[in-house]
Amino acid sequence: MERSLMAPPIKIYALGGLGEVGKNTYVVESDRTILIVDAGVKFPTENLVGVDYVVPDYTQLKDNQSKIRGLVITHGHEDHIGGIPFLVQTVNIPVIYASRLAAALIRNKLEEHRIREKIKIIEFDEDVSLSIGEFAVSFFRVTHSIPDSFGIVIDTPAGRIVTTGDFKIDLTPVGPDINLRKIARIGEQGVDLLLSDSTNAALEGYTPSEKNVVNSIHEIFSSSVSRLIFTTFSSNISRIQQVVDAALKFKRKVCVIGRSMESAVDLARKIGYIKAPDSTFIDTNDIAKLPFDQILILCTGSQGEQMAALNRIARGEVKNLRIFPGDTIVFSCNPIPGNTLTVNKLINLLTRLGASVLTTTQYPSIHSSGHPSKQELRLMLKLLTPKYFMPAHGEYYMLKSHADIAVSLGIPKENTFILTNGDTLILQNHRIREGEKVQADDIFIDGNDIGGISTAIIRDRQILKDDGFVGVIVAIDAKNNKILLNPLIKTIGFVAEGSYKDHLMRHASTYVKEALEELMQTNKVTFADLKNTIKSVVSKYFTRKTQRSPMIIPVIINKTV
């Protein structure tokens, strides 16, 4: 597109996806147009008690609502589409552009969240070019662990921005090839700013081909003489396809368990990404009718989630199904950072029940990442030859490693930008400078509350989880500035019952009473003063005696007659 010498500046920033793995949400903004690339979620780690999802703070988008022209999706994984139900209930998204599979997954997700407003979704493929506001948008196919994955080219009046999305350069893929020729042409035409996947940037070499996983799956099937249970991400359609293909080859029936897995398999079958006769699939009622060596169970739970199918099967909570000695259970993925303890807990339970558990630790070839290692990153940088580079999609050390790769290939260090969520780059006349930060906090989704909950509530939950709760009940006569009874102290999850607890409560009560009596000798004492004094006294005493800092809730009862 024609670019004016005095083109207005373009702002590029991430609301999620930098310094973390998850909630990828990138924004390209001019004075008239906002284009959003992806809208993902991050799944909570164990310390986020009671949280279902983590999404970006959309305040920047709300404040600039009138400029939003559309949302473009690179592919259908949760960390790229999972935030859409929360985004569309927060701001008006005029249209969502997505590939065929991603569009189907998004429609299903909007249905699950009971979003009644009609959201316009337009499907694209590699040959489509779009005009979105003042931007021209085109696509190039990449290889990833889900079909229909694309990189995006955004031509703006100020310069060209390219994002690879998630990719790997797999020369023997399961599915269509990455379009290296088109990527090279884009590089020849000129790229001002490149955003590129950094997840495996610290790993040397090439990410193994998905074909390697096929061989391992077949090896496991051929050596197993009892039931097989496979668990992986429900969004890893390529892996699920391989497992179903193996079931057909080795004459096993497939029982799919877990809401998200059932939904993903159903959708992928409808649009032709998983091909198998209807007779291949059975439900849990049919499992008892078949010999063990003719059964494959495909289920959710690869991250050890308490309510996912594999955990429920292990606890005997799935009708007609429990773990038997001799079952082979395959974790065909790696734990997400923060989930290792949860996954190990489940593996221990399955092993105690007599199952043989295969993970990527003992059997590395049962999983291949969908993300590029250093050699693939070098090749992508060589093909696109960007003037400026912004590593994306990864924790800080991943971004730093990727930036170092770019510098080693000749991109000036001052032209690489390791950013955090909310940091901005300003593109103007094919040059980039750093701009002012925009708001980009985490929003914690708890149940159906799309407004999210604050970090203060998360902190309170963590305190309750770690150190327990102490309630201090004080009865006073405010009119006469007197304490009527010794303070009553009750605890939950703080210290065990027994003489030590009695000793602590008795002394804490005495200290509270003495402090309040001293405070109430003054004429003007508010309830806030009383509560603050209780908190201070009890907190200091319990911390000194127990090295714990429980949540302290003072309750003041005032004599009214």
Protein backbone atom coordinates (compact mmCIF):
# COMPACT_ATOMS: atom_id res chain seq x y z
CA MET A 1 0.00 0.00 0.00
CA GLU A 2 1.15 3.59 -0.63
CA ARG A 3 2.85 5.14 2.36
CA SER A 4 3.01 8.87 2.93
CA LEU A 5 6.30 10.46 3.96
CA MET A 6 4.38 12.13 6.77
CA ALA A 7 2.34 9.08 7.80
CA PRO A 8 0.93 9.27 11.32
CA PRO A 9 2.51 7.04 13.98
CA ILE A 10 1.40 3.47 14.63
CA LYS A 11 1.47 2.10 18.18
CA ILE A 12 2.27 -1.59 18.81
CA TYR A 13 1.86 -3.19 22.24
CA ALA A 14 0.89 -6.41 24.01
CA LEU A 15 -1.84 -6.69 26.62
CA GLY A 16 -0.71 -10.27 27.23
CA GLY A 17 1.94 -12.71 26.03
CA LEU A 18 5.15 -10.95 27.08
CA GLY A 19 7.02 -12.25 30.12
CA GLU A 20 4.65 -15.21 30.26
CA VAL A 21 3.37 -18.18 28.29
CA GLY A 22 -0.31 -17.49 27.71
CA LYS A 23 -3.02 -14.83 27.21
CA ASN A 24 -1.49 -13.66 23.93
CA THR A 25 -3.15 -10.38 22.95
CA TYR A 26 -1.30 -7.95 20.67
CA VAL A 27 -2.57 -4.60 19.44
CA VAL A 28 -1.72 -2.40 16.44
CA GLU A 29 -3.21 1.06 16.91
CA SER A 30 -3.29 4.23 14.82
CA ASP A 31 -5.19 7.45 15.41
CA ARG A 32 -8.21 5.91 13.62
CA THR A 33 -7.86 2.12 13.78
CA ILE A 34 -7.24 -0.60 16.34
CA LEU A 35 -6.51 -4.11 15.11
CA ILE A 36 -6.21 -6.83 17.75
CA VAL A 37 -4.18 -9.97 17.04
CA ASP A 38 -5.32 -12.93 19.17
CA ALA A 39 -7.20 -12.88 22.47
CA GLY A 40 -5.92 -15.64 24.72
CA VAL A 41 -6.20 -16.80 28.31
CA LYS A 42 -3.61 -18.09 30.72
CA PHE A 43 -4.51 -21.00 32.96
CA PRO A 44 -3.97 -20.43 36.68
CA THR A 45 -1.12 -21.95 38.63
CA GLU A 46 -1.67 -23.51 42.07
CA ASN A 47 -1.10 -20.23 43.91
CA LEU A 48 -4.10 -18.61 42.19
CA VAL A 49 -6.66 -20.11 44.54
CA GLY A 50 -10.19 -20.32 43.10
CA VAL A 51 -9.24 -18.71 39.78
CA ASP A 52 -10.52 -20.28 36.55
CA TYR A 53 -8.72 -18.12 33.98
CA VAL A 54 -6.34 -15.19 33.75
CA VAL A 55 -7.09 -12.66 31.00
CA PRO A 56 -5.58 -9.28 30.11
CA ASP A 57 -6.90 -6.01 31.43
CA TYR A 58 -8.90 -4.61 28.49
CA THR A 59 -9.06 -1.02 29.83
CA GLN A 60 -6.93 0.35 26.98
CA LEU A 61 -9.36 -1.15 24.47
CA LYS A 62 -12.41 0.12 26.37
CA ASP A 63 -10.95 3.63 26.43
CA ASN A 64 -10.47 3.50 22.65
CA GLN A 65 -13.58 1.50 21.78
CA SER A 66 -14.54 3.63 18.76
CA LYS A 67 -11.29 2.75 16.95
CA ILE A 68 -11.61 -1.06 17.15
CA ARG A 69 -12.03 -2.47 13.64
CA GLY A 70 -11.49 -6.17 14.21
CA LEU A 71 -9.78 -9.14 15.86
CA VAL A 72 -7.52 -11.41 13.78
CA ILE A 73 -6.70 -14.90 15.07
CA THR A 74 -3.47 -16.74 14.23
CA HIS A 75 -4.72 -20.21 15.30
CA GLY A 76 -7.19 -22.00 17.56
CA HIS A 77 -5.25 -22.69 20.78
CA GLU A 78 -6.66 -21.49 24.10
CA ASP A 79 -3.79 -19.10 24.75
CA HIS A 80 -4.83 -17.33 21.54
CA ILE A 81 -8.65 -17.62 21.50
CA GLY A 82 -9.65 -18.45 25.10
CA GLY A 83 -10.10 -14.80 26.08
CA ILE A 84 -12.61 -14.05 23.31
CA PRO A 85 -15.75 -14.65 25.45
CA PHE A 86 -14.45 -12.14 28.02
CA LEU A 87 -13.23 -9.66 25.42
CA VAL A 88 -16.52 -9.50 23.48
CA GLN A 89 -18.44 -8.93 26.71
CA THR A 90 -16.12 -6.04 27.59
CA VAL A 91 -15.78 -4.20 24.26
CA ASN A 92 -17.55 -4.32 20.91
CA ILE A 93 -15.60 -6.39 18.41
CA PRO A 94 -17.11 -5.62 14.96
CA VAL A 95 -15.69 -8.75 13.33
CA ILE A 96 -13.43 -11.69 14.14
CA TYR A 97 -11.23 -13.02 11.33
CA ALA A 98 -10.14 -16.64 11.80
CA SER A 99 -9.15 -19.73 9.83
CA ARG A 100 -11.73 -22.46 9.36
CA LEU A 101 -10.82 -24.57 12.37
CA ALA A 102 -10.22 -21.59 14.66
CA ALA A 103 -13.58 -20.11 13.61
CA ALA A 104 -15.36 -23.36 14.49
CA LEU A 105 -13.65 -23.48 17.89
CA ILE A 106 -14.54 -19.83 18.57
CA ARG A 107 -18.22 -20.38 17.70
CA ASN A 108 -18.31 -23.34 20.04
CA LYS A 109 -16.63 -21.33 22.79
CA LEU A 110 -19.13 -18.47 22.46
CA GLU A 111 -21.96 -21.02 22.70
CA GLU A 112 -20.48 -22.58 25.83
CA HIS A 113 -20.30 -19.16 27.46
CA ARG A 114 -23.93 -18.48 26.41
CA ILE A 115 -23.06 -15.27 24.63
CA ARG A 116 -26.30 -14.38 22.89
CA GLU A 117 -25.07 -11.41 20.88
CA LYS A 118 -24.37 -12.37 17.27
CA ILE A 119 -20.62 -12.07 16.75
CA LYS A 120 -19.59 -11.70 13.12
CA ILE A 121 -16.89 -14.23 12.21
CA ILE A 122 -15.24 -14.20 8.78
CA GLU A 123 -13.07 -17.13 7.75
CA PHE A 124 -9.81 -16.64 5.85
CA ASP A 125 -7.17 -18.80 4.21
CA GLU A 126 -3.68 -18.09 2.94
CA ASP A 127 -4.88 -16.47 -0.29
CA VAL A 128 -7.15 -13.89 1.37
CA SER A 129 -6.21 -10.21 1.69
CA LEU A 130 -8.21 -7.98 4.00
CA SER A 131 -8.69 -4.25 4.36
CA ILE A 132 -9.22 -3.50 8.05
CA GLY A 133 -9.56 0.19 8.74
CA GLU A 134 -6.47 1.78 7.20
CA PHE A 135 -4.49 -1.49 7.42
CA ALA A 136 -4.02 -4.14 4.72
CA VAL A 137 -3.79 -7.64 6.21
CA SER A 138 -2.54 -10.83 4.55
CA PHE A 139 -1.47 -14.27 5.74
CA PHE A 140 1.12 -17.02 5.35
CA ARG A 141 0.69 -20.63 6.42
CA VAL A 142 2.87 -22.01 9.22
CA THR A 143 3.24 -25.43 10.82
CA HIS A 144 2.11 -25.81 14.44
CA SER A 145 0.45 -28.45 16.61
CA ILE A 146 -2.99 -27.48 15.35
CA PRO A 147 -4.11 -27.22 11.70
CA ASP A 148 -4.87 -23.87 10.07
CA SER A 149 -2.13 -21.87 11.78
CA PHE A 150 -1.04 -18.63 10.14
CA GLY A 151 1.41 -15.78 10.38
CA ILE A 152 0.04 -12.31 9.70
CA VAL A 153 1.34 -9.39 7.61
CA ILE A 154 -0.05 -5.98 8.56
CA ASP A 155 0.73 -3.19 6.12
CA THR A 156 0.17 0.22 7.70
CA PRO A 157 0.77 3.75 6.36
CA ALA A 158 3.85 3.89 8.62
CA GLY A 159 5.42 0.54 7.70
CA ARG A 160 5.01 -3.24 7.59
CA ILE A 161 4.51 -5.35 10.71
CA VAL A 162 4.74 -9.16 10.60
CA THR A 163 3.85 -11.62 13.36
CA THR A 164 4.70 -15.29 12.92
CA GLY A 165 2.12 -16.51 15.40
CA ASP A 166 3.08 -19.86 16.94
CA PHE A 167 5.08 -21.96 14.50
CA LYS A 168 7.78 -24.55 13.93
CA ILE A 169 9.63 -25.32 10.72
CA ASP A 170 8.69 -28.98 10.36
CA LEU A 171 9.88 -30.36 7.03
CA THR A 172 7.89 -33.60 7.48
CA PRO A 173 4.70 -32.27 9.09
CA VAL A 174 1.41 -33.95 9.78
CA GLY A 175 -0.68 -31.76 7.49
CA PRO A 176 0.20 -28.88 5.13
CA ASP A 177 3.73 -27.48 4.86
CA ILE A 178 4.86 -24.11 6.16
CA ASN A 179 4.95 -21.73 3.18
CA LEU A 180 8.64 -20.85 3.20
CA ARG A 181 8.48 -19.42 -0.33
CA LYS A 182 5.84 -16.87 0.62
CA ILE A 183 7.71 -16.00 3.82
CA ALA A 184 10.86 -15.37 1.75
CA ARG A 185 8.90 -13.13 -0.66
CA ILE A 186 7.56 -11.12 2.27
CA GLY A 187 11.13 -10.68 3.50
CA GLU A 188 12.29 -9.54 0.03
CA GLN A 189 9.52 -6.93 -0.05
CA GLY A 190 10.71 -5.57 3.31
CA VAL A 191 9.65 -5.97 6.93
CA ASP A 192 9.89 -3.07 9.35
CA LEU A 193 8.94 -4.89 12.57
CA LEU A 194 8.83 -8.62 13.25
CA LEU A 195 7.09 -10.21 16.25
CA SER A 196 8.05 -13.87 16.58
CA ASP A 197 7.35 -16.90 18.79
CA SER A 198 9.99 -17.24 21.55
CA THR A 199 8.73 -20.25 23.53
CA ASN A 200 11.67 -22.54 22.68
CA ALA A 201 14.24 -19.80 22.05
CA ALA A 202 16.57 -21.19 24.72
CA LEU A 203 16.77 -24.61 23.00
CA GLU A 204 19.51 -25.22 20.44
CA GLY A 205 18.89 -27.10 17.20
CA TYR A 206 15.54 -27.95 15.61
CA THR A 207 12.29 -28.96 17.27
CA PRO A 208 11.70 -32.64 16.35
CA SER A 209 9.19 -33.35 13.62
CA GLU A 210 5.68 -34.40 14.49
CA LYS A 211 6.37 -37.51 12.38
CA ASN A 212 8.72 -38.68 15.17
CA VAL A 213 5.72 -38.72 17.50
CA VAL A 214 3.79 -40.91 15.05
CA ASN A 215 6.49 -43.56 15.26
CA SER A 216 6.45 -43.46 19.09
CA ILE A 217 2.66 -43.71 19.21
CA HIS A 218 2.76 -46.77 16.97
CA GLU A 219 5.49 -48.33 19.11
CA ILE A 220 3.35 -47.89 22.24
CA PHE A 221 0.27 -49.31 20.54
CA SER A 222 2.14 -52.34 19.22
CA SER A 223 3.68 -53.19 22.62
CA SER A 224 0.57 -52.67 24.75
CA VAL A 225 -1.46 -55.76 25.67
CA SER A 226 -4.07 -54.01 27.81
CA ARG A 227 -6.01 -50.77 27.77
CA LEU A 228 -4.38 -47.58 26.53
CA ILE A 229 -5.25 -44.16 27.97
CA PHE A 230 -3.88 -41.11 26.15
CA THR A 231 -4.08 -37.60 27.55
CA THR A 232 -2.98 -34.40 25.83
CA PHE A 233 -4.27 -30.87 25.28
CA SER A 234 -7.72 -31.00 23.71
CA SER A 235 -6.61 -28.24 21.34
CA ASN A 236 -3.69 -30.34 19.99
CA ILE A 237 -5.74 -31.56 17.04
CA SER A 238 -2.70 -32.87 15.17
CA ARG A 239 -1.76 -35.15 18.08
CA ILE A 240 -5.34 -36.33 18.55
CA GLN A 241 -5.51 -37.15 14.84
CA GLN A 242 -2.36 -39.27 15.14
CA VAL A 243 -3.72 -41.18 18.13
CA VAL A 244 -7.06 -41.86 16.39
CA ASP A 245 -5.20 -42.99 13.25
CA ALA A 246 -3.15 -45.40 15.38
CA ALA A 247 -6.33 -46.73 16.98
CA LEU A 248 -7.68 -47.53 13.51
CA LYS A 249 -4.41 -49.18 12.48
CA PHE A 250 -4.23 -51.35 15.63
CA LYS A 251 -7.97 -52.08 15.71
CA ARG A 252 -8.87 -50.33 18.95
CA LYS A 253 -12.14 -48.53 19.67
CA VAL A 254 -11.86 -44.93 20.88
CA CYS A 255 -13.69 -43.61 23.93
CA VAL A 256 -13.39 -39.82 24.25
CA ILE A 257 -13.86 -38.47 27.78
CA GLY A 258 -13.78 -34.88 29.04
CA ARG A 259 -15.94 -31.98 27.88
CA SER A 260 -13.25 -30.02 26.04
CA MET A 261 -11.81 -33.18 24.42
CA GLU A 262 -15.26 -34.35 23.31
CA SER A 263 -16.00 -30.92 21.86
CA ALA A 264 -12.64 -30.67 20.05
CA VAL A 265 -12.90 -34.15 18.54
CA ASP A 266 -16.50 -33.55 17.46
CA LEU A 267 -15.62 -30.25 15.77
CA ALA A 268 -12.49 -31.62 14.10
CA ARG A 269 -14.44 -34.59 12.74
CA LYS A 270 -17.22 -32.37 11.40
CA ILE A 271 -14.83 -30.25 9.35
CA GLY A 272 -12.61 -33.13 8.27
CA TYR A 273 -9.46 -32.69 10.36
CA ILE A 274 -9.98 -36.01 12.15
CA LYS A 275 -11.12 -38.75 9.79
CA ALA A 276 -12.47 -41.98 11.19
CA PRO A 277 -15.67 -44.00 10.75
CA ASP A 278 -18.40 -43.45 13.32
CA SER A 279 -17.98 -47.08 14.38
CA THR A 280 -14.49 -46.19 15.68
CA PHE A 281 -15.97 -44.28 18.62
CA ILE A 282 -17.72 -45.74 21.65
CA ASP A 283 -19.05 -44.34 24.92
CA THR A 284 -18.26 -45.43 28.47
CA ASN A 285 -21.20 -47.88 28.50
CA ASP A 286 -19.48 -49.94 25.78
CA ILE A 287 -16.09 -50.22 27.50
CA ALA A 288 -17.09 -53.24 29.59
CA LYS A 289 -18.20 -55.10 26.45
CA LEU A 290 -14.74 -55.11 24.86
CA PRO A 291 -11.44 -56.85 25.66
CA PHE A 292 -8.91 -54.51 27.21
CA ASP A 293 -6.55 -54.77 24.23
CA GLN A 294 -9.24 -53.30 21.95
CA ILE A 295 -9.79 -50.09 23.95
CA LEU A 296 -8.24 -46.65 23.66
CA ILE A 297 -9.39 -43.92 26.04
CA LEU A 298 -8.62 -40.39 24.89
CA CYS A 299 -9.15 -37.90 27.70
CA THR A 300 -8.48 -34.51 29.23
CA GLY A 301 -6.31 -34.09 32.32
CA SER A 302 -2.76 -33.82 30.99
CA GLN A 303 -2.04 -30.95 33.42
CA GLY A 304 -3.32 -32.84 36.47
CA GLU A 305 -6.46 -30.70 36.74
CA GLN A 306 -8.62 -31.82 39.65
CA MET A 307 -11.88 -31.88 37.70
CA ALA A 308 -10.51 -33.11 34.36
CA ALA A 309 -11.36 -36.60 33.11
CA LEU A 310 -8.13 -38.44 33.97
CA ASN A 311 -8.15 -37.28 37.57
CA ARG A 312 -11.81 -38.25 37.92
CA ILE A 313 -11.13 -41.67 36.39
CA ALA A 314 -8.28 -42.19 38.85
CA ARG A 315 -10.62 -41.33 41.75
CA GLY A 316 -13.31 -43.71 40.45
CA GLU A 317 -15.75 -40.90 39.67
CA VAL A 318 -16.45 -41.77 36.02
CA LYS A 319 -19.28 -44.26 35.48
CA ASN A 320 -18.19 -47.70 34.22
CA LEU A 321 -14.54 -46.72 34.30
CA ARG A 322 -11.67 -47.00 36.74
CA ILE A 323 -7.94 -47.66 36.56
CA PHE A 324 -6.87 -51.32 36.49
CA PRO A 325 -3.38 -52.79 37.01
CA GLY A 326 -1.78 -53.19 33.60
CA ASP A 327 -3.37 -50.08 32.06
CA THR A 328 -0.87 -47.96 30.10
CA ILE A 329 -1.38 -44.23 30.53
CA VAL A 330 0.43 -41.86 28.16
CA PHE A 331 0.96 -38.15 28.91
CA SER A 332 1.54 -36.91 25.36
CA CYS A 333 2.55 -33.35 26.31
CA ASN A 334 4.72 -31.47 28.77
CA PRO A 335 3.43 -29.83 31.96
CA ILE A 336 2.83 -26.10 31.64
CA PRO A 337 5.25 -24.19 33.92
CA GLY A 338 3.67 -24.14 37.38
CA ASN A 339 1.74 -27.40 36.90
CA THR A 340 4.55 -29.88 37.54
CA LEU A 341 3.56 -30.64 41.15
CA THR A 342 -0.07 -31.18 40.19
CA VAL A 343 0.87 -33.51 37.34
CA ASN A 344 3.28 -35.49 39.56
CA LYS A 345 0.56 -35.93 42.18
CA LEU A 346 -1.72 -37.47 39.55
CA ILE A 347 1.06 -39.68 38.19
CA ASN A 348 1.73 -41.00 41.71
CA LEU A 349 -1.96 -41.81 42.17
CA LEU A 350 -2.14 -43.64 38.82
CA THR A 351 1.02 -45.60 39.60
CA ARG A 352 -0.33 -46.67 43.02
CA LEU A 353 -3.39 -48.03 41.22
CA GLY A 354 -1.12 -50.32 39.21
CA ALA A 355 -0.99 -48.43 35.91
CA SER A 356 2.14 -48.05 33.80
CA VAL A 357 2.58 -44.30 33.22
CA LEU A 358 4.58 -42.95 30.26
CA THR A 359 5.59 -39.29 30.31
CA THR A 360 7.96 -37.17 28.25
CA THR A 361 10.56 -37.60 31.00
CA GLN A 362 10.90 -41.35 30.44
CA TYR A 363 9.70 -41.34 26.82
CA PRO A 364 10.71 -37.99 25.22
CA SER A 365 9.60 -38.87 21.71
CA ILE A 366 5.95 -39.18 22.77
CA HIS A 367 5.66 -35.41 22.44
CA SER A 368 7.07 -32.82 20.09
CA SER A 369 6.67 -29.13 20.80
CA GLY A 370 4.79 -26.97 18.33
CA HIS A 371 7.30 -24.15 18.82
CA PRO A 372 10.61 -23.40 17.08
CA SER A 373 14.06 -23.98 18.53
CA LYS A 374 17.06 -21.77 17.79
CA GLN A 375 17.85 -23.01 14.29
CA GLU A 376 14.26 -22.46 13.15
CA LEU A 377 14.27 -19.00 14.69
CA ARG A 378 17.50 -18.20 12.85
CA LEU A 379 15.95 -19.35 9.57
CA MET A 380 12.78 -17.29 10.09
CA LEU A 381 14.86 -14.19 10.87
CA LYS A 382 17.03 -14.82 7.78
CA LEU A 383 13.96 -15.20 5.55
CA LEU A 384 12.12 -12.12 6.82
CA THR A 385 15.20 -9.91 7.47
CA PRO A 386 13.33 -7.39 9.64
CA LYS A 387 14.71 -3.92 10.31
CA TYR A 388 13.39 -4.06 13.90
CA PHE A 389 12.64 -7.08 16.07
CA MET A 390 10.35 -7.69 19.03
CA PRO A 391 10.43 -11.23 20.48
CA ALA A 392 6.96 -12.30 21.61
CA HIS A 393 5.15 -15.22 23.28
CA GLY A 394 7.41 -16.21 26.15
CA GLU A 395 8.84 -15.64 29.58
CA TYR A 396 11.62 -13.08 29.96
CA TYR A 397 14.52 -15.50 29.51
CA MET A 398 12.89 -16.80 26.31
CA LEU A 399 12.47 -13.27 24.93
CA LYS A 400 16.07 -12.42 25.86
CA SER A 401 17.42 -15.56 24.20
CA HIS A 402 15.46 -14.76 21.03
CA ALA A 403 16.72 -11.16 21.00
CA ASP A 404 20.30 -12.47 21.34
CA ILE A 405 19.74 -14.70 18.32
CA ALA A 406 18.58 -11.69 16.29
CA VAL A 407 21.65 -9.68 17.31
CA SER A 408 23.94 -12.60 16.39
CA LEU A 409 22.43 -12.50 12.87
CA GLY A 410 23.25 -8.84 12.41
CA ILE A 411 20.17 -7.01 13.64
CA PRO A 412 21.51 -4.05 15.64
CA LYS A 413 20.99 -4.48 19.38
CA GLU A 414 19.31 -1.05 19.54
CA ASN A 415 16.76 -2.35 17.01
CA THR A 416 15.65 -5.25 19.26
CA PHE A 417 13.05 -4.68 21.97
CA ILE A 418 12.49 -6.95 24.95
CA LEU A 419 9.20 -5.60 26.25
CA THR A 420 6.69 -6.34 28.97
CA ASN A 421 2.92 -6.22 28.65
CA GLY A 422 1.85 -2.61 28.24
CA ASP A 423 5.14 -1.33 26.81
CA THR A 424 4.65 0.35 23.44
CA LEU A 425 6.62 0.75 20.24
CA ILE A 426 5.92 3.66 17.91
CA LEU A 427 6.33 2.95 14.18
CA GLN A 428 6.54 6.04 11.97
CA ASN A 429 8.03 6.39 8.49
CA HIS A 430 9.62 2.92 8.82
CA ARG A 431 11.42 3.84 12.03
CA ILE A 432 10.67 2.69 15.57
CA ARG A 433 11.01 4.29 18.96
CA GLU A 434 9.66 3.32 22.37
CA GLY A 435 6.48 5.03 23.57
CA GLU A 436 4.50 5.47 26.77
CA LYS A 437 3.18 2.45 28.67
CA VAL A 438 -0.50 1.49 28.52
CA GLN A 439 -2.44 -0.32 31.25
CA ALA A 440 -1.91 -4.08 31.01
CA ASP A 441 -2.58 -5.84 34.32
CA ASP A 442 -3.82 -9.37 34.93
CA ILE A 443 -7.54 -9.92 35.45
CA PHE A 444 -8.47 -13.06 37.39
CA ILE A 445 -11.71 -14.70 36.27
CA ASP A 446 -13.58 -16.44 39.07
CA GLY A 447 -16.66 -18.35 37.90
CA ASN A 448 -18.96 -16.28 35.70
CA ASP A 449 -17.80 -12.86 36.86
CA ILE A 450 -16.29 -11.38 33.68
CA GLY A 451 -15.24 -8.30 35.63
CA GLY A 452 -12.58 -10.41 37.32
CA ILE A 453 -11.24 -10.16 40.83
CA SER A 454 -8.44 -8.03 42.16
CA THR A 455 -4.92 -9.00 43.14
CA ALA A 456 -5.88 -8.07 46.73
CA ILE A 457 -8.47 -10.87 46.77
CA ILE A 458 -5.94 -13.32 45.33
CA ARG A 459 -3.51 -12.26 48.05
CA ASP A 460 -6.17 -12.82 50.72
CA ARG A 461 -6.91 -16.30 49.34
CA GLN A 462 -3.23 -17.13 49.41
CA ILE A 463 -2.98 -16.01 53.04
CA LEU A 464 -5.98 -18.16 53.96
CA LYS A 465 -4.45 -21.11 52.09
CA ASP A 466 -1.02 -20.76 53.67
CA ASP A 467 -1.57 -19.29 57.13
CA GLY A 468 -5.25 -19.60 57.99
CA PHE A 469 -7.77 -17.27 59.58
CA VAL A 470 -8.09 -15.62 62.99
CA GLY A 471 -11.28 -13.92 64.16
CA VAL A 472 -11.10 -11.58 67.18
CA ILE A 473 -14.46 -10.77 68.79
CA VAL A 474 -14.55 -7.87 71.24
CA ALA A 475 -17.63 -6.69 73.14
CA ILE A 476 -17.49 -3.03 74.22
CA ASP A 477 -19.57 -0.29 75.78
CA ALA A 478 -18.65 2.59 73.47
CA LYS A 479 -20.62 5.13 75.51
CA ASN A 480 -18.52 4.48 78.61
CA ASN A 481 -15.32 3.44 76.79
CA LYS A 482 -15.21 -0.01 78.43
CA ILE A 483 -14.44 -3.56 77.38
CA LEU A 484 -17.23 -5.77 78.64
CA LEU A 485 -15.61 -9.22 78.26
CA ASN A 486 -12.21 -10.71 77.55
CA PRO A 487 -11.69 -10.77 73.74
CA LEU A 488 -12.71 -14.09 72.17
CA ILE A 489 -10.30 -15.45 69.55
CA LYS A 490 -11.31 -18.15 67.07
CA THR A 491 -9.04 -19.69 64.41
CA ILE A 492 -9.42 -21.83 61.29
CA GLY A 493 -6.43 -23.46 59.63
CA PHE A 494 -3.92 -21.63 61.81
CA VAL A 495 -2.63 -23.90 64.58
CA ALA A 496 -3.71 -27.36 65.67
CA GLU A 497 -5.98 -27.93 68.64
CA GLY A 498 -4.22 -28.56 71.94
CA SER A 499 -2.51 -26.91 74.87
CA TYR A 500 -0.20 -24.83 72.65
CA LYS A 501 -3.18 -23.32 70.84
CA ASP A 502 -4.93 -22.62 74.18
CA HIS A 503 -1.77 -20.91 75.41
CA LEU A 504 -1.53 -18.72 72.27
CA MET A 505 -5.20 -17.71 72.35
CA ARG A 506 -5.14 -16.90 76.06
CA HIS A 507 -2.07 -14.66 75.79
CA ALA A 508 -3.30 -13.01 72.56
CA SER A 509 -6.60 -12.20 74.27
CA THR A 510 -4.77 -10.61 77.20
CA TYR A 511 -2.56 -8.50 74.91
CA VAL A 512 -5.59 -7.31 72.91
CA LYS A 513 -7.50 -6.36 76.05
CA GLU A 514 -4.55 -4.42 77.49
CA ALA A 515 -3.95 -2.56 74.22
CA LEU A 516 -7.62 -1.64 73.83
CA GLU A 517 -7.96 -0.49 77.43
CA GLU A 518 -4.97 1.79 76.93
CA LEU A 519 -6.39 3.10 73.67
CA MET A 520 -9.87 3.71 75.14
CA GLN A 521 -8.51 5.97 77.87
CA THR A 522 -8.54 8.72 75.24
CA ASN A 523 -11.86 10.48 74.61
CA LYS A 524 -12.20 9.99 70.85
CA VAL A 525 -11.80 6.41 69.65
CA THR A 526 -13.36 5.18 66.41
CA PHE A 527 -14.23 1.62 65.46
CA ALA A 528 -11.46 1.86 62.84
CA ASP A 529 -8.98 2.67 65.61
CA LEU A 530 -10.11 -0.35 67.59
CA LYS A 531 -9.85 -2.70 64.59
CA ASN A 532 -6.42 -1.43 63.59
CA THR A 533 -5.14 -1.91 67.12
CA ILE A 534 -6.50 -5.47 67.26
CA LYS A 535 -4.89 -6.33 63.92
CA SER A 536 -1.56 -4.85 64.91
CA VAL A 537 -1.35 -6.54 68.31
CA VAL A 538 -2.53 -9.98 67.15
CA SER A 539 -0.43 -9.93 63.98
CA LYS A 540 2.79 -9.05 65.80
CA TYR A 541 2.21 -11.62 68.54
CA PHE A 542 1.32 -14.53 66.21
CA THR A 543 4.13 -13.74 63.78
CA ARG A 544 6.65 -13.67 66.64
CA LYS A 545 5.37 -16.91 68.18
CA THR A 546 4.54 -18.98 65.08
CA GLN A 547 6.33 -17.36 62.09
CA ARG A 548 2.89 -17.30 60.44
CA SER A 549 0.81 -14.32 59.27
CA PRO A 550 -2.84 -15.41 59.31
CA MET A 551 -5.69 -13.27 58.02
CA ILE A 552 -7.04 -11.34 61.01
CA ILE A 553 -10.66 -10.19 61.08
CA PRO A 554 -11.70 -8.04 64.10
CA VAL A 555 -15.40 -8.04 65.04
CA ILE A 556 -16.58 -5.25 67.38
CA ILE A 557 -19.89 -5.74 69.23
CA ASN A 558 -21.18 -2.56 70.85
CA LYS A 559 -23.59 -2.45 73.80
CA THR A 560 -26.62 -0.48 72.63
CA VAL A 561 -28.83 -0.47 75.76
